Each structure stands twice: as structure tokens, then as C-alpha cells.
Amino acid sequence: MLLEAAMLSPSACNTRPWRFIAITNRVKLDLLADAHSHAKMLKSAQAAIVIIALPKTQEDIHKGLPSGFYPQDCAAATQNILIQAESMGLSTCWCGVHPRETTIAAIAEFFDIPSNEIPFCIIAIGEKAESPNPRGRYEDEQVTWIE
């Protein structure tokens, strides 16, 4: 269901510039936590999804129209996974990889990802350890109304 939600995400000219690595293997999750300096929660996660960006899917389409939109498209797929997980009572953590070159290189090496593909992010997935009250983050000063 999480991967289906990701694949339902919008993308520039429907190029769908992504692929996914789904991990449930405990040893791999622990090793992946060591490979990414800000993904230690993977040591207690039950699963993870790694989103891999495929920039080449957006080249030479409609005279270059969608070229370069893969970060937005992969972010939309990531958000869809987070929302779907929440609706299923799961907890998630979005761990960024792109655009940090050292993190991209570490994750690419970990999964033997070809150089024309870019590790975009890792999403840790697990059971909720707690259910804190929702935090309001609306800031009126961040909105400009045009009437």
C-alpha cells in the first residue's frame, strides 16, 4: 500500500522518475543505519523504503519541459508514503539523502546504485512508540492573501 501510494504521486509530464528499494531485513536495516549519519532510527524500524531518482526519464521529453523536476517528483512520492503510513497507524521518518554528495555516495555504494541514478531519501517505517498531540504550525505571517 505504501509503494502504491508513492506510485500514485504526480510527476512532471507523468515521467515517474523513481524506483524504490523496500527493506525488511534486520541486518540490512542496521547496516543502512550505520551508512547514513542521521538515520539511526533504522535500528528500531521494522522496514524502510529508499527512493531512487531517475533523472534520465525526464530528458528529451516535450522539448525538455520536465527536465530537472525529479527532486519535486520524488518528494511528492515521499510525502504520499508518509501520509499513507500515518493512515495505516505506522510511524515514519524521512531521512534526506539528496543533495548531499557524501550521503549520496555512501547510499549508492551500499546498494550498488548505478551512477545515472540518485539515492533521494530513506523512509524509516515502524510501529508508533508514542502518539504525541498534534502540534499546530500555522504561521499567519507566512501567508500573503490576494483578494
N, C-alpha and C. Protein backbone atom coordinates (compact mmCIF):
# COMPACT_ATOMS: atom_id res chain seq x y z
N MET A 1 0.82 -1.20 0.00
CA MET A 1 0.00 0.00 0.00
C MET A 1 0.86 1.26 0.00
N LEU A 2 1.98 1.22 0.72
CA LEU A 2 2.86 2.39 0.77
C LEU A 2 3.49 2.65 -0.60
N LEU A 3 3.94 1.60 -1.24
CA LEU A 3 4.55 1.76 -2.56
C LEU A 3 3.52 2.17 -3.61
N GLU A 4 2.32 1.64 -3.50
CA GLU A 4 1.27 2.06 -4.43
C GLU A 4 0.96 3.55 -4.25
N ALA A 5 0.91 4.01 -3.00
CA ALA A 5 0.67 5.42 -2.75
C ALA A 5 1.78 6.27 -3.38
N ALA A 6 3.01 5.81 -3.27
CA ALA A 6 4.13 6.54 -3.88
C ALA A 6 3.97 6.62 -5.39
N MET A 7 3.58 5.51 -5.99
CA MET A 7 3.46 5.46 -7.45
C MET A 7 2.25 6.21 -7.98
N LEU A 8 1.34 6.58 -7.09
CA LEU A 8 0.20 7.41 -7.48
C LEU A 8 0.53 8.90 -7.46
N SER A 9 1.72 9.23 -7.04
CA SER A 9 2.13 10.63 -6.93
C SER A 9 2.18 11.31 -8.29
N PRO A 10 1.94 12.61 -8.31
CA PRO A 10 2.10 13.34 -9.56
C PRO A 10 3.58 13.47 -9.91
N SER A 11 3.86 13.60 -11.20
CA SER A 11 5.22 13.88 -11.65
C SER A 11 5.14 14.67 -12.95
N ALA A 12 6.19 15.40 -13.23
CA ALA A 12 6.23 16.26 -14.42
C ALA A 12 5.99 15.41 -15.67
N CYS A 13 4.97 15.77 -16.42
CA CYS A 13 4.60 15.06 -17.66
C CYS A 13 4.46 13.55 -17.44
N ASN A 14 4.08 13.16 -16.24
CA ASN A 14 3.89 11.76 -15.87
C ASN A 14 5.13 10.91 -16.17
N THR A 15 6.31 11.48 -15.95
CA THR A 15 7.56 10.76 -16.21
C THR A 15 7.90 9.74 -15.14
N ARG A 16 7.34 9.90 -13.94
CA ARG A 16 7.55 8.94 -12.85
C ARG A 16 9.04 8.61 -12.68
N PRO A 17 9.86 9.62 -12.33
CA PRO A 17 11.31 9.45 -12.30
C PRO A 17 11.83 8.80 -11.02
N TRP A 18 11.34 7.62 -10.72
CA TRP A 18 11.70 6.98 -9.46
C TRP A 18 11.70 5.47 -9.59
N ARG A 19 12.40 4.87 -8.66
CA ARG A 19 12.26 3.44 -8.37
C ARG A 19 12.45 3.32 -6.87
N PHE A 20 12.12 2.17 -6.32
CA PHE A 20 12.08 2.01 -4.87
C PHE A 20 12.82 0.76 -4.44
N ILE A 21 13.48 0.85 -3.30
CA ILE A 21 14.09 -0.31 -2.66
C ILE A 21 13.36 -0.47 -1.33
N ALA A 22 12.69 -1.60 -1.15
CA ALA A 22 11.96 -1.88 0.09
C ALA A 22 12.78 -2.87 0.91
N ILE A 23 13.01 -2.53 2.17
CA ILE A 23 13.89 -3.34 3.02
C ILE A 23 13.14 -3.75 4.29
N THR A 24 13.15 -5.04 4.57
CA THR A 24 12.62 -5.55 5.83
C THR A 24 13.67 -6.40 6.56
N ASN A 25 14.80 -6.65 5.93
CA ASN A 25 15.86 -7.46 6.50
C ASN A 25 16.52 -6.71 7.65
N ARG A 26 16.52 -7.31 8.85
CA ARG A 26 17.04 -6.65 10.05
C ARG A 26 18.51 -6.28 9.92
N VAL A 27 19.31 -7.18 9.39
CA VAL A 27 20.74 -6.91 9.24
C VAL A 27 20.96 -5.74 8.29
N LYS A 28 20.25 -5.71 7.17
CA LYS A 28 20.39 -4.61 6.20
C LYS A 28 19.94 -3.28 6.79
N LEU A 29 18.84 -3.29 7.56
CA LEU A 29 18.38 -2.06 8.20
C LEU A 29 19.43 -1.51 9.17
N ASP A 30 20.05 -2.40 9.94
CA ASP A 30 21.08 -1.97 10.88
C ASP A 30 22.30 -1.41 10.16
N LEU A 31 22.71 -2.07 9.08
CA LEU A 31 23.86 -1.60 8.30
C LEU A 31 23.55 -0.28 7.61
N LEU A 32 22.32 -0.13 7.13
CA LEU A 32 21.91 1.12 6.49
C LEU A 32 21.92 2.26 7.51
N ALA A 33 21.53 1.98 8.73
CA ALA A 33 21.57 2.99 9.79
C ALA A 33 23.01 3.47 10.02
N ASP A 34 23.96 2.58 9.87
CA ASP A 34 25.36 2.95 10.02
C ASP A 34 25.88 3.74 8.81
N ALA A 35 25.29 3.51 7.65
CA ALA A 35 25.73 4.17 6.41
C ALA A 35 25.23 5.60 6.30
N HIS A 36 24.16 5.95 7.03
CA HIS A 36 23.57 7.29 6.96
C HIS A 36 23.63 7.89 8.37
N SER A 37 24.36 8.98 8.52
CA SER A 37 24.62 9.54 9.85
C SER A 37 23.39 10.04 10.59
N HIS A 38 22.29 10.28 9.87
CA HIS A 38 21.08 10.79 10.53
C HIS A 38 19.90 9.81 10.43
N ALA A 39 20.21 8.53 10.29
CA ALA A 39 19.15 7.53 10.16
C ALA A 39 19.29 6.41 11.20
N LYS A 40 19.72 6.79 12.38
CA LYS A 40 19.91 5.78 13.45
C LYS A 40 18.61 5.10 13.85
N MET A 41 17.46 5.77 13.58
CA MET A 41 16.18 5.15 13.93
C MET A 41 15.93 3.87 13.14
N LEU A 42 16.68 3.65 12.08
CA LEU A 42 16.52 2.41 11.31
C LEU A 42 16.86 1.18 12.15
N LYS A 43 17.62 1.37 13.21
CA LYS A 43 17.96 0.24 14.08
C LYS A 43 16.75 -0.28 14.85
N SER A 44 15.70 0.53 14.95
CA SER A 44 14.48 0.07 15.61
C SER A 44 13.29 0.00 14.65
N ALA A 45 13.50 0.41 13.40
CA ALA A 45 12.42 0.37 12.40
C ALA A 45 12.17 -1.06 11.95
N GLN A 46 10.93 -1.31 11.53
CA GLN A 46 10.61 -2.64 11.01
C GLN A 46 10.86 -2.74 9.51
N ALA A 47 10.94 -1.57 8.85
CA ALA A 47 11.14 -1.55 7.40
C ALA A 47 11.67 -0.19 6.98
N ALA A 48 12.08 -0.12 5.74
CA ALA A 48 12.49 1.16 5.15
C ALA A 48 12.22 1.11 3.66
N ILE A 49 11.99 2.28 3.11
CA ILE A 49 11.87 2.43 1.66
C ILE A 49 12.89 3.47 1.24
N VAL A 50 13.70 3.12 0.27
CA VAL A 50 14.67 4.05 -0.30
C VAL A 50 14.12 4.47 -1.66
N ILE A 51 14.02 5.78 -1.86
CA ILE A 51 13.56 6.28 -3.15
C ILE A 51 14.79 6.64 -3.96
N ILE A 52 14.84 6.10 -5.16
CA ILE A 52 15.94 6.35 -6.09
C ILE A 52 15.41 7.21 -7.22
N ALA A 53 16.03 8.36 -7.45
CA ALA A 53 15.64 9.26 -8.53
C ALA A 53 16.27 8.80 -9.84
N LEU A 54 15.47 8.91 -10.91
CA LEU A 54 15.92 8.54 -12.25
C LEU A 54 15.85 9.76 -13.16
N PRO A 55 16.84 10.66 -13.06
CA PRO A 55 16.79 11.90 -13.84
C PRO A 55 16.69 11.69 -15.34
N LYS A 56 17.26 10.61 -15.86
CA LYS A 56 17.24 10.37 -17.31
C LYS A 56 15.83 10.21 -17.86
N THR A 57 14.87 9.84 -17.02
CA THR A 57 13.50 9.66 -17.51
C THR A 57 12.88 10.98 -17.94
N GLN A 58 13.50 12.08 -17.55
CA GLN A 58 12.94 13.39 -17.86
C GLN A 58 13.71 14.13 -18.95
N GLU A 59 14.65 13.46 -19.58
CA GLU A 59 15.41 14.11 -20.64
C GLU A 59 14.72 13.91 -21.98
N ASP A 60 14.80 14.93 -22.81
CA ASP A 60 14.32 14.87 -24.19
C ASP A 60 12.83 14.56 -24.33
N ILE A 61 12.03 14.94 -23.34
CA ILE A 61 10.59 14.75 -23.43
C ILE A 61 9.96 16.12 -23.59
N HIS A 62 9.08 16.26 -24.53
CA HIS A 62 8.39 17.54 -24.75
C HIS A 62 9.38 18.70 -24.81
N LYS A 63 10.45 18.51 -25.59
CA LYS A 63 11.46 19.55 -25.77
C LYS A 63 12.07 20.02 -24.45
N GLY A 64 12.29 19.07 -23.53
CA GLY A 64 12.95 19.37 -22.27
C GLY A 64 12.04 19.91 -21.18
N LEU A 65 10.74 19.97 -21.41
CA LEU A 65 9.82 20.56 -20.44
C LEU A 65 9.98 20.01 -19.02
N PRO A 66 9.94 18.68 -18.81
CA PRO A 66 10.02 18.21 -17.43
C PRO A 66 11.43 18.05 -16.89
N SER A 67 12.45 18.32 -17.69
CA SER A 67 13.82 18.09 -17.29
C SER A 67 14.14 18.79 -15.97
N GLY A 68 14.70 18.04 -15.03
CA GLY A 68 15.13 18.61 -13.76
C GLY A 68 14.09 18.65 -12.66
N PHE A 69 12.90 18.15 -12.90
CA PHE A 69 11.86 18.18 -11.88
C PHE A 69 11.87 16.94 -10.97
N TYR A 70 12.82 16.04 -11.17
CA TYR A 70 12.81 14.81 -10.38
C TYR A 70 12.87 15.03 -8.86
N PRO A 71 13.56 16.08 -8.33
CA PRO A 71 13.51 16.24 -6.88
C PRO A 71 12.09 16.53 -6.36
N GLN A 72 11.35 17.36 -7.09
CA GLN A 72 9.96 17.63 -6.69
C GLN A 72 9.11 16.37 -6.80
N ASP A 73 9.31 15.63 -7.87
CA ASP A 73 8.51 14.43 -8.09
C ASP A 73 8.80 13.36 -7.03
N CYS A 74 10.08 13.16 -6.71
CA CYS A 74 10.43 12.19 -5.67
C CYS A 74 9.97 12.65 -4.29
N ALA A 75 9.96 13.97 -4.06
CA ALA A 75 9.44 14.48 -2.80
C ALA A 75 7.94 14.22 -2.68
N ALA A 76 7.21 14.35 -3.79
CA ALA A 76 5.78 14.06 -3.77
C ALA A 76 5.55 12.58 -3.46
N ALA A 77 6.35 11.71 -4.05
CA ALA A 77 6.22 10.27 -3.77
C ALA A 77 6.53 9.99 -2.29
N THR A 78 7.54 10.68 -1.77
CA THR A 78 7.89 10.53 -0.35
C THR A 78 6.73 10.95 0.54
N GLN A 79 6.16 12.11 0.25
CA GLN A 79 5.05 12.62 1.06
C GLN A 79 3.85 11.66 1.01
N ASN A 80 3.58 11.10 -0.16
CA ASN A 80 2.47 10.15 -0.26
C ASN A 80 2.71 8.93 0.62
N ILE A 81 3.95 8.46 0.69
CA ILE A 81 4.27 7.33 1.57
C ILE A 81 4.02 7.72 3.02
N LEU A 82 4.47 8.90 3.41
CA LEU A 82 4.29 9.34 4.80
C LEU A 82 2.82 9.44 5.18
N ILE A 83 2.02 10.00 4.28
CA ILE A 83 0.59 10.14 4.56
C ILE A 83 -0.09 8.78 4.61
N GLN A 84 0.23 7.90 3.67
CA GLN A 84 -0.36 6.56 3.66
C GLN A 84 0.02 5.80 4.93
N ALA A 85 1.27 5.90 5.34
CA ALA A 85 1.71 5.21 6.56
C ALA A 85 0.94 5.71 7.78
N GLU A 86 0.77 7.02 7.88
CA GLU A 86 0.01 7.59 9.00
C GLU A 86 -1.41 7.05 9.01
N SER A 87 -2.01 6.95 7.83
CA SER A 87 -3.39 6.44 7.76
C SER A 87 -3.48 4.96 8.17
N MET A 88 -2.35 4.27 8.11
CA MET A 88 -2.30 2.86 8.50
C MET A 88 -1.84 2.69 9.95
N GLY A 89 -1.64 3.80 10.66
CA GLY A 89 -1.20 3.73 12.05
C GLY A 89 0.29 3.48 12.21
N LEU A 90 1.07 3.71 11.15
CA LEU A 90 2.51 3.49 11.20
C LEU A 90 3.23 4.81 11.44
N SER A 91 4.42 4.70 11.94
CA SER A 91 5.27 5.86 12.16
C SER A 91 6.36 5.87 11.08
N THR A 92 6.77 7.06 10.67
CA THR A 92 7.79 7.18 9.65
C THR A 92 8.79 8.28 10.01
N CYS A 93 9.92 8.23 9.35
CA CYS A 93 10.89 9.33 9.43
C CYS A 93 11.54 9.47 8.06
N TRP A 94 11.44 10.66 7.48
CA TRP A 94 12.03 10.98 6.19
C TRP A 94 13.47 11.38 6.44
N CYS A 95 14.41 10.59 5.93
CA CYS A 95 15.84 10.86 6.08
C CYS A 95 16.38 11.27 4.72
N GLY A 96 16.73 12.52 4.59
CA GLY A 96 17.21 13.04 3.33
C GLY A 96 18.56 12.45 2.92
N VAL A 97 18.73 12.28 1.63
CA VAL A 97 20.00 11.85 1.06
C VAL A 97 20.44 12.92 0.05
N HIS A 98 19.63 13.13 -1.00
CA HIS A 98 19.89 14.17 -2.00
C HIS A 98 19.65 15.53 -1.38
N PRO A 99 20.45 16.53 -1.52
CA PRO A 99 21.55 16.72 -2.47
C PRO A 99 22.94 16.57 -1.86
N ARG A 100 23.06 15.97 -0.69
CA ARG A 100 24.38 15.85 -0.04
C ARG A 100 25.23 14.79 -0.74
N GLU A 101 26.28 15.25 -1.39
CA GLU A 101 27.12 14.37 -2.21
C GLU A 101 27.72 13.20 -1.42
N THR A 102 28.18 13.46 -0.20
CA THR A 102 28.80 12.38 0.57
C THR A 102 27.76 11.32 0.96
N THR A 103 26.55 11.77 1.28
CA THR A 103 25.48 10.82 1.65
C THR A 103 25.01 10.07 0.41
N ILE A 104 24.88 10.77 -0.71
CA ILE A 104 24.51 10.11 -1.97
C ILE A 104 25.52 9.01 -2.28
N ALA A 105 26.82 9.33 -2.18
CA ALA A 105 27.87 8.35 -2.49
C ALA A 105 27.80 7.15 -1.55
N ALA A 106 27.56 7.40 -0.26
CA ALA A 106 27.51 6.29 0.71
C ALA A 106 26.33 5.36 0.44
N ILE A 107 25.17 5.93 0.16
CA ILE A 107 23.99 5.10 -0.09
C ILE A 107 24.08 4.42 -1.45
N ALA A 108 24.63 5.11 -2.44
CA ALA A 108 24.83 4.49 -3.75
C ALA A 108 25.76 3.29 -3.65
N GLU A 109 26.81 3.43 -2.87
CA GLU A 109 27.74 2.31 -2.67
C GLU A 109 27.06 1.17 -1.91
N PHE A 110 26.30 1.51 -0.88
CA PHE A 110 25.62 0.49 -0.06
C PHE A 110 24.73 -0.41 -0.92
N PHE A 111 24.00 0.20 -1.87
CA PHE A 111 23.07 -0.55 -2.70
C PHE A 111 23.60 -0.84 -4.11
N ASP A 112 24.84 -0.45 -4.39
CA ASP A 112 25.42 -0.63 -5.71
C ASP A 112 24.52 0.00 -6.80
N ILE A 113 24.18 1.27 -6.57
CA ILE A 113 23.29 2.01 -7.46
C ILE A 113 24.11 2.59 -8.61
N PRO A 114 23.65 2.43 -9.84
CA PRO A 114 24.38 2.97 -10.99
C PRO A 114 24.53 4.49 -10.90
N SER A 115 25.56 5.02 -11.54
CA SER A 115 25.88 6.44 -11.45
C SER A 115 24.82 7.34 -12.09
N ASN A 116 23.97 6.80 -12.96
CA ASN A 116 22.93 7.63 -13.58
C ASN A 116 21.64 7.65 -12.74
N GLU A 117 21.68 7.05 -11.56
CA GLU A 117 20.55 7.07 -10.63
C GLU A 117 21.01 7.75 -9.34
N ILE A 118 20.09 8.42 -8.64
CA ILE A 118 20.46 9.19 -7.46
C ILE A 118 19.63 8.74 -6.25
N PRO A 119 20.28 8.25 -5.19
CA PRO A 119 19.53 7.99 -3.96
C PRO A 119 18.94 9.31 -3.46
N PHE A 120 17.62 9.36 -3.34
CA PHE A 120 16.94 10.60 -2.97
C PHE A 120 16.69 10.69 -1.48
N CYS A 121 16.12 9.64 -0.90
CA CYS A 121 15.85 9.64 0.53
C CYS A 121 15.62 8.23 1.03
N ILE A 122 15.64 8.12 2.34
CA ILE A 122 15.30 6.86 3.02
C ILE A 122 14.13 7.18 3.94
N ILE A 123 13.13 6.32 3.93
CA ILE A 123 11.99 6.48 4.84
C ILE A 123 11.99 5.30 5.80
N ALA A 124 12.24 5.59 7.07
CA ALA A 124 12.16 4.56 8.11
C ALA A 124 10.69 4.35 8.44
N ILE A 125 10.28 3.10 8.61
CA ILE A 125 8.87 2.77 8.86
C ILE A 125 8.79 1.80 10.04
N GLY A 126 7.88 2.09 10.95
CA GLY A 126 7.72 1.19 12.09
C GLY A 126 6.45 1.45 12.85
N GLU A 127 6.31 0.71 13.92
CA GLU A 127 5.16 0.90 14.79
C GLU A 127 5.41 2.13 15.66
N LYS A 128 4.33 2.83 15.97
CA LYS A 128 4.46 4.03 16.80
C LYS A 128 4.83 3.67 18.22
N ALA A 129 5.87 4.32 18.73
CA ALA A 129 6.27 4.13 20.12
C ALA A 129 5.48 5.07 21.02
N GLU A 130 4.97 6.16 20.44
CA GLU A 130 4.19 7.13 21.19
C GLU A 130 3.25 7.85 20.22
N SER A 131 2.27 8.49 20.78
CA SER A 131 1.31 9.26 19.97
C SER A 131 1.16 10.65 20.58
N PRO A 132 2.12 11.53 20.30
CA PRO A 132 2.03 12.87 20.88
C PRO A 132 0.87 13.65 20.28
N ASN A 133 0.43 14.66 21.02
CA ASN A 133 -0.63 15.53 20.50
C ASN A 133 -0.11 16.28 19.28
N PRO A 134 -0.98 16.51 18.29
CA PRO A 134 -0.57 17.25 17.11
C PRO A 134 -0.10 18.66 17.49
N ARG A 135 0.93 19.13 16.79
CA ARG A 135 1.45 20.47 17.02
C ARG A 135 0.92 21.39 15.93
N GLY A 136 0.39 22.50 16.32
CA GLY A 136 -0.02 23.48 15.33
C GLY A 136 1.20 24.23 14.82
N ARG A 137 1.33 24.36 13.52
CA ARG A 137 2.48 25.06 12.96
C ARG A 137 2.05 26.15 11.99
N TYR A 138 0.78 26.47 12.01
CA TYR A 138 0.31 27.53 11.12
C TYR A 138 0.89 28.86 11.57
N GLU A 139 1.45 29.61 10.63
CA GLU A 139 2.01 30.92 10.92
C GLU A 139 1.40 31.91 9.95
N ASP A 140 0.53 32.76 10.46
CA ASP A 140 -0.18 33.70 9.61
C ASP A 140 0.77 34.61 8.84
N GLU A 141 1.92 34.96 9.44
CA GLU A 141 2.87 35.85 8.76
C GLU A 141 3.53 35.21 7.55
N GLN A 142 3.37 33.92 7.37
CA GLN A 142 3.92 33.23 6.22
C GLN A 142 2.97 33.21 5.02
N VAL A 143 1.81 33.82 5.18
CA VAL A 143 0.78 33.79 4.13
C VAL A 143 0.51 35.20 3.63
N THR A 144 0.49 35.34 2.33
CA THR A 144 0.08 36.59 1.69
C THR A 144 -1.26 36.32 1.01
N TRP A 145 -2.29 37.04 1.40
CA TRP A 145 -3.60 36.89 0.80
C TRP A 145 -3.78 37.93 -0.30
N ILE A 146 -4.22 37.48 -1.45
CA ILE A 146 -4.53 38.38 -2.55
C ILE A 146 -6.00 38.21 -2.86
N GLU A 147 -6.75 39.25 -2.58
CA GLU A 147 -8.22 39.16 -2.74
C GLU A 147 -8.69 40.06 -3.86
